[in-house]
Structure formats: C-alpha cells, structure tokens
Amino acid sequence: MMRDQERCPHCGRRLVTTRFDTTFRLPDDSERLCFGIPGSLCEDCHQLYVDPGLIELLDLGTGRCVFAIQSDSVMQQEAWSPAD
C-alpha cells in the first residue's frame, strides 16, 4: 500500500510516496531512463516530486522529467502482498 507523506506545494493536496520509472530529457535532447526512483506524486495536479539531492547525484539537474510511471517492482510487490 502506498503511504501519504506530505502536501503538494502547488495545490496543497496529498502526495503519494512510492517508486517511479522515469524518463528525463536533457538539454541536448537526449533522454535518460531511471528505474525505481523514490518520489512523491500529487493526486490532483500530477506533479512528481523527487529529492533534489538525488537529482544532483544522478546528474539530472539540467534535465526535465517527461515521463513517470509507478515502478513495476512496486506493482509486483503489491500484487504478491497478502491483503489486509
């Protein structure tokens, strides 16, 4: 089950924290795929928030996230977890 951490700085709605598979477009128009990135997604405005330190560590500071989807590993884990 996903857990709610904080509120969206843009709209104030709740954020859902999980892991995402993402695509970042860099200034030279190349793209970088990143798998299992921890982040938070706003349920309403669909903005993805990732720790700025992680962005710098991955050298994506000049990139723009153009695609994000909940990681398959999270989905598989949830599918195999016993129901509460």
N, C-alpha and C. Protein backbone atom coordinates (compact mmCIF):
# COMPACT_ATOMS: atom_id res chain seq x y z
N MET A 1 0.84 -1.19 0.00
CA MET A 1 0.00 0.00 0.00
C MET A 1 0.88 1.25 0.00
N MET A 2 0.52 2.25 -0.79
CA MET A 2 1.27 3.49 -0.81
C MET A 2 0.93 4.31 0.43
N ARG A 3 1.90 5.08 0.87
CA ARG A 3 1.60 5.90 2.03
C ARG A 3 1.72 7.38 1.68
N ASP A 4 0.92 8.17 2.32
CA ASP A 4 0.89 9.60 2.07
C ASP A 4 1.90 10.27 2.99
N GLN A 5 2.73 11.15 2.44
CA GLN A 5 3.78 11.79 3.22
C GLN A 5 3.48 13.24 3.52
N GLU A 6 3.34 14.04 2.49
CA GLU A 6 3.27 15.48 2.64
C GLU A 6 2.14 16.03 1.80
N ARG A 7 2.16 17.32 1.65
CA ARG A 7 1.19 18.01 0.81
C ARG A 7 1.90 18.64 -0.37
N CYS A 8 1.21 18.74 -1.48
CA CYS A 8 1.75 19.34 -2.70
C CYS A 8 1.99 20.83 -2.47
N PRO A 9 3.18 21.32 -2.76
CA PRO A 9 3.44 22.75 -2.59
C PRO A 9 2.63 23.61 -3.55
N HIS A 10 2.17 23.02 -4.65
CA HIS A 10 1.42 23.79 -5.65
C HIS A 10 -0.06 23.92 -5.28
N CYS A 11 -0.71 22.78 -4.96
CA CYS A 11 -2.16 22.83 -4.73
C CYS A 11 -2.57 22.46 -3.29
N GLY A 12 -1.62 21.98 -2.50
CA GLY A 12 -1.92 21.64 -1.11
C GLY A 12 -2.56 20.28 -0.91
N ARG A 13 -2.80 19.54 -1.98
CA ARG A 13 -3.40 18.20 -1.86
C ARG A 13 -2.36 17.19 -1.42
N ARG A 14 -2.82 15.99 -1.13
CA ARG A 14 -1.93 14.97 -0.59
C ARG A 14 -1.01 14.39 -1.67
N LEU A 15 0.19 14.02 -1.23
CA LEU A 15 1.17 13.37 -2.09
C LEU A 15 1.22 11.89 -1.76
N VAL A 16 1.38 11.08 -2.78
CA VAL A 16 1.52 9.63 -2.61
C VAL A 16 2.99 9.30 -2.87
N THR A 17 3.61 8.61 -1.91
CA THR A 17 5.02 8.29 -2.00
C THR A 17 5.20 6.84 -2.42
N THR A 18 6.01 6.64 -3.47
CA THR A 18 6.29 5.30 -3.99
C THR A 18 7.56 5.39 -4.83
N ARG A 19 7.79 4.41 -5.68
CA ARG A 19 8.95 4.42 -6.60
C ARG A 19 8.43 4.52 -8.03
N PHE A 20 9.19 5.24 -8.85
CA PHE A 20 8.78 5.51 -10.23
C PHE A 20 9.88 5.14 -11.21
N ASP A 21 9.48 4.67 -12.39
CA ASP A 21 10.38 4.54 -13.53
C ASP A 21 10.16 5.82 -14.34
N THR A 22 11.26 6.49 -14.66
CA THR A 22 11.15 7.83 -15.25
C THR A 22 12.00 7.98 -16.50
N THR A 23 11.65 8.98 -17.29
CA THR A 23 12.46 9.42 -18.42
C THR A 23 12.73 10.91 -18.23
N PHE A 24 14.00 11.28 -18.28
CA PHE A 24 14.40 12.68 -18.19
C PHE A 24 14.98 13.11 -19.52
N ARG A 25 14.52 14.25 -20.03
CA ARG A 25 15.07 14.82 -21.27
C ARG A 25 16.11 15.85 -20.88
N LEU A 26 17.31 15.71 -21.44
CA LEU A 26 18.43 16.60 -21.15
C LEU A 26 18.49 17.72 -22.17
N PRO A 27 19.22 18.79 -21.88
CA PRO A 27 19.28 19.95 -22.79
C PRO A 27 19.72 19.61 -24.21
N ASP A 28 20.53 18.55 -24.39
CA ASP A 28 20.96 18.17 -25.74
C ASP A 28 19.95 17.28 -26.46
N ASP A 29 18.73 17.19 -25.90
CA ASP A 29 17.62 16.39 -26.42
C ASP A 29 17.81 14.89 -26.28
N SER A 30 18.86 14.46 -25.58
CA SER A 30 18.99 13.04 -25.27
C SER A 30 18.06 12.73 -24.10
N GLU A 31 17.78 11.46 -23.89
CA GLU A 31 16.91 11.06 -22.78
C GLU A 31 17.62 10.04 -21.92
N ARG A 32 17.35 10.12 -20.61
CA ARG A 32 17.91 9.16 -19.66
C ARG A 32 16.77 8.46 -18.95
N LEU A 33 16.82 7.15 -18.92
CA LEU A 33 15.84 6.35 -18.19
C LEU A 33 16.38 6.07 -16.80
N CYS A 34 15.53 6.20 -15.81
CA CYS A 34 15.89 5.89 -14.43
C CYS A 34 14.79 5.00 -13.86
N PHE A 35 15.20 3.92 -13.22
CA PHE A 35 14.24 2.95 -12.71
C PHE A 35 14.24 2.93 -11.18
N GLY A 36 13.04 2.85 -10.60
CA GLY A 36 12.89 2.73 -9.16
C GLY A 36 13.25 3.98 -8.39
N ILE A 37 13.04 5.14 -8.97
CA ILE A 37 13.35 6.41 -8.31
C ILE A 37 12.30 6.67 -7.22
N PRO A 38 12.73 6.90 -5.97
CA PRO A 38 11.75 7.24 -4.94
C PRO A 38 11.24 8.67 -5.17
N GLY A 39 9.95 8.84 -5.03
CA GLY A 39 9.37 10.16 -5.24
C GLY A 39 7.96 10.24 -4.69
N SER A 40 7.38 11.42 -4.83
CA SER A 40 6.01 11.66 -4.38
C SER A 40 5.23 12.28 -5.53
N LEU A 41 4.01 11.82 -5.71
CA LEU A 41 3.15 12.28 -6.79
C LEU A 41 1.91 12.93 -6.22
N CYS A 42 1.57 14.12 -6.73
CA CYS A 42 0.34 14.79 -6.32
C CYS A 42 -0.84 14.08 -7.00
N GLU A 43 -1.84 13.73 -6.21
CA GLU A 43 -3.01 13.05 -6.75
C GLU A 43 -3.85 13.94 -7.66
N ASP A 44 -3.76 15.25 -7.49
CA ASP A 44 -4.60 16.15 -8.28
C ASP A 44 -3.88 16.78 -9.46
N CYS A 45 -2.76 17.46 -9.21
CA CYS A 45 -2.09 18.15 -10.33
C CYS A 45 -1.05 17.28 -11.02
N HIS A 46 -0.85 16.05 -10.53
CA HIS A 46 0.01 15.04 -11.16
C HIS A 46 1.46 15.48 -11.27
N GLN A 47 1.90 16.35 -10.37
CA GLN A 47 3.29 16.80 -10.32
C GLN A 47 4.11 15.77 -9.55
N LEU A 48 5.27 15.41 -10.07
CA LEU A 48 6.17 14.45 -9.42
C LEU A 48 7.24 15.22 -8.68
N TYR A 49 7.47 14.86 -7.42
CA TYR A 49 8.50 15.48 -6.60
C TYR A 49 9.55 14.44 -6.25
N VAL A 50 10.81 14.76 -6.57
CA VAL A 50 11.95 13.88 -6.30
C VAL A 50 12.95 14.70 -5.49
N ASP A 51 13.60 14.06 -4.53
CA ASP A 51 14.60 14.73 -3.69
C ASP A 51 15.65 15.41 -4.58
N PRO A 52 15.85 16.73 -4.40
CA PRO A 52 16.84 17.44 -5.21
C PRO A 52 18.25 16.84 -5.09
N GLY A 53 18.59 16.30 -3.93
CA GLY A 53 19.90 15.67 -3.76
C GLY A 53 20.05 14.46 -4.66
N LEU A 54 18.98 13.69 -4.83
CA LEU A 54 19.00 12.53 -5.71
C LEU A 54 19.13 12.97 -7.17
N ILE A 55 18.45 14.03 -7.53
CA ILE A 55 18.54 14.57 -8.89
C ILE A 55 19.99 14.96 -9.19
N GLU A 56 20.64 15.62 -8.25
CA GLU A 56 22.04 16.01 -8.45
C GLU A 56 22.94 14.78 -8.49
N LEU A 57 22.71 13.81 -7.61
CA LEU A 57 23.51 12.59 -7.57
C LEU A 57 23.44 11.85 -8.91
N LEU A 58 22.27 11.85 -9.53
CA LEU A 58 22.07 11.19 -10.82
C LEU A 58 22.47 12.08 -12.00
N ASP A 59 22.96 13.27 -11.71
CA ASP A 59 23.38 14.24 -12.72
C ASP A 59 22.24 14.58 -13.68
N LEU A 60 21.06 14.83 -13.09
CA LEU A 60 19.88 15.19 -13.88
C LEU A 60 19.41 16.61 -13.62
N GLY A 61 20.28 17.42 -13.00
CA GLY A 61 19.90 18.78 -12.61
C GLY A 61 19.45 19.65 -13.77
N THR A 62 19.99 19.40 -14.95
CA THR A 62 19.61 20.20 -16.12
C THR A 62 18.51 19.52 -16.93
N GLY A 63 18.09 18.33 -16.50
CA GLY A 63 17.07 17.59 -17.23
C GLY A 63 15.66 17.93 -16.78
N ARG A 64 14.72 17.46 -17.55
CA ARG A 64 13.30 17.66 -17.25
C ARG A 64 12.62 16.30 -17.33
N CYS A 65 11.86 15.96 -16.28
CA CYS A 65 11.15 14.70 -16.28
C CYS A 65 9.98 14.80 -17.26
N VAL A 66 9.99 13.92 -18.26
CA VAL A 66 8.93 13.96 -19.28
C VAL A 66 7.99 12.77 -19.19
N PHE A 67 8.36 11.78 -18.36
CA PHE A 67 7.51 10.60 -18.19
C PHE A 67 7.83 9.93 -16.87
N ALA A 68 6.79 9.52 -16.14
CA ALA A 68 6.98 8.77 -14.90
C ALA A 68 5.79 7.84 -14.72
N ILE A 69 6.08 6.63 -14.30
CA ILE A 69 5.05 5.65 -14.03
C ILE A 69 5.47 4.85 -12.81
N GLN A 70 4.50 4.40 -12.03
CA GLN A 70 4.84 3.63 -10.84
C GLN A 70 5.66 2.41 -11.27
N SER A 71 6.74 2.17 -10.57
CA SER A 71 7.66 1.10 -10.91
C SER A 71 6.99 -0.27 -10.91
N ASP A 72 7.32 -1.10 -11.89
CA ASP A 72 6.80 -2.47 -11.95
C ASP A 72 7.13 -3.25 -10.70
N SER A 73 8.32 -3.00 -10.12
CA SER A 73 8.70 -3.75 -8.91
C SER A 73 7.76 -3.43 -7.76
N VAL A 74 7.29 -2.19 -7.68
CA VAL A 74 6.32 -1.82 -6.64
C VAL A 74 5.00 -2.51 -6.92
N MET A 75 4.58 -2.51 -8.18
CA MET A 75 3.31 -3.13 -8.56
C MET A 75 3.35 -4.63 -8.28
N GLN A 76 4.48 -5.28 -8.60
CA GLN A 76 4.61 -6.72 -8.35
C GLN A 76 4.59 -7.00 -6.86
N GLN A 77 5.27 -6.16 -6.09
CA GLN A 77 5.30 -6.33 -4.64
C GLN A 77 3.90 -6.23 -4.05
N GLU A 78 3.12 -5.25 -4.52
CA GLU A 78 1.77 -5.06 -4.02
C GLU A 78 0.87 -6.24 -4.42
N ALA A 79 1.11 -6.77 -5.62
CA ALA A 79 0.29 -7.90 -6.09
C ALA A 79 0.53 -9.16 -5.27
N TRP A 80 1.76 -9.33 -4.78
CA TRP A 80 2.09 -10.54 -4.04
C TRP A 80 1.93 -10.39 -2.53
N SER A 81 1.65 -9.18 -2.05
CA SER A 81 1.46 -8.94 -0.63
C SER A 81 0.11 -9.48 -0.19
N PRO A 82 0.04 -10.10 1.00
CA PRO A 82 -1.26 -10.57 1.49
C PRO A 82 -2.18 -9.39 1.76
N ALA A 83 -3.44 -9.55 1.46
CA ALA A 83 -4.43 -8.49 1.69
C ALA A 83 -4.62 -8.26 3.18
N ASP A 84 -4.78 -6.98 3.54
CA ASP A 84 -5.01 -6.63 4.95
C ASP A 84 -6.47 -6.81 5.31
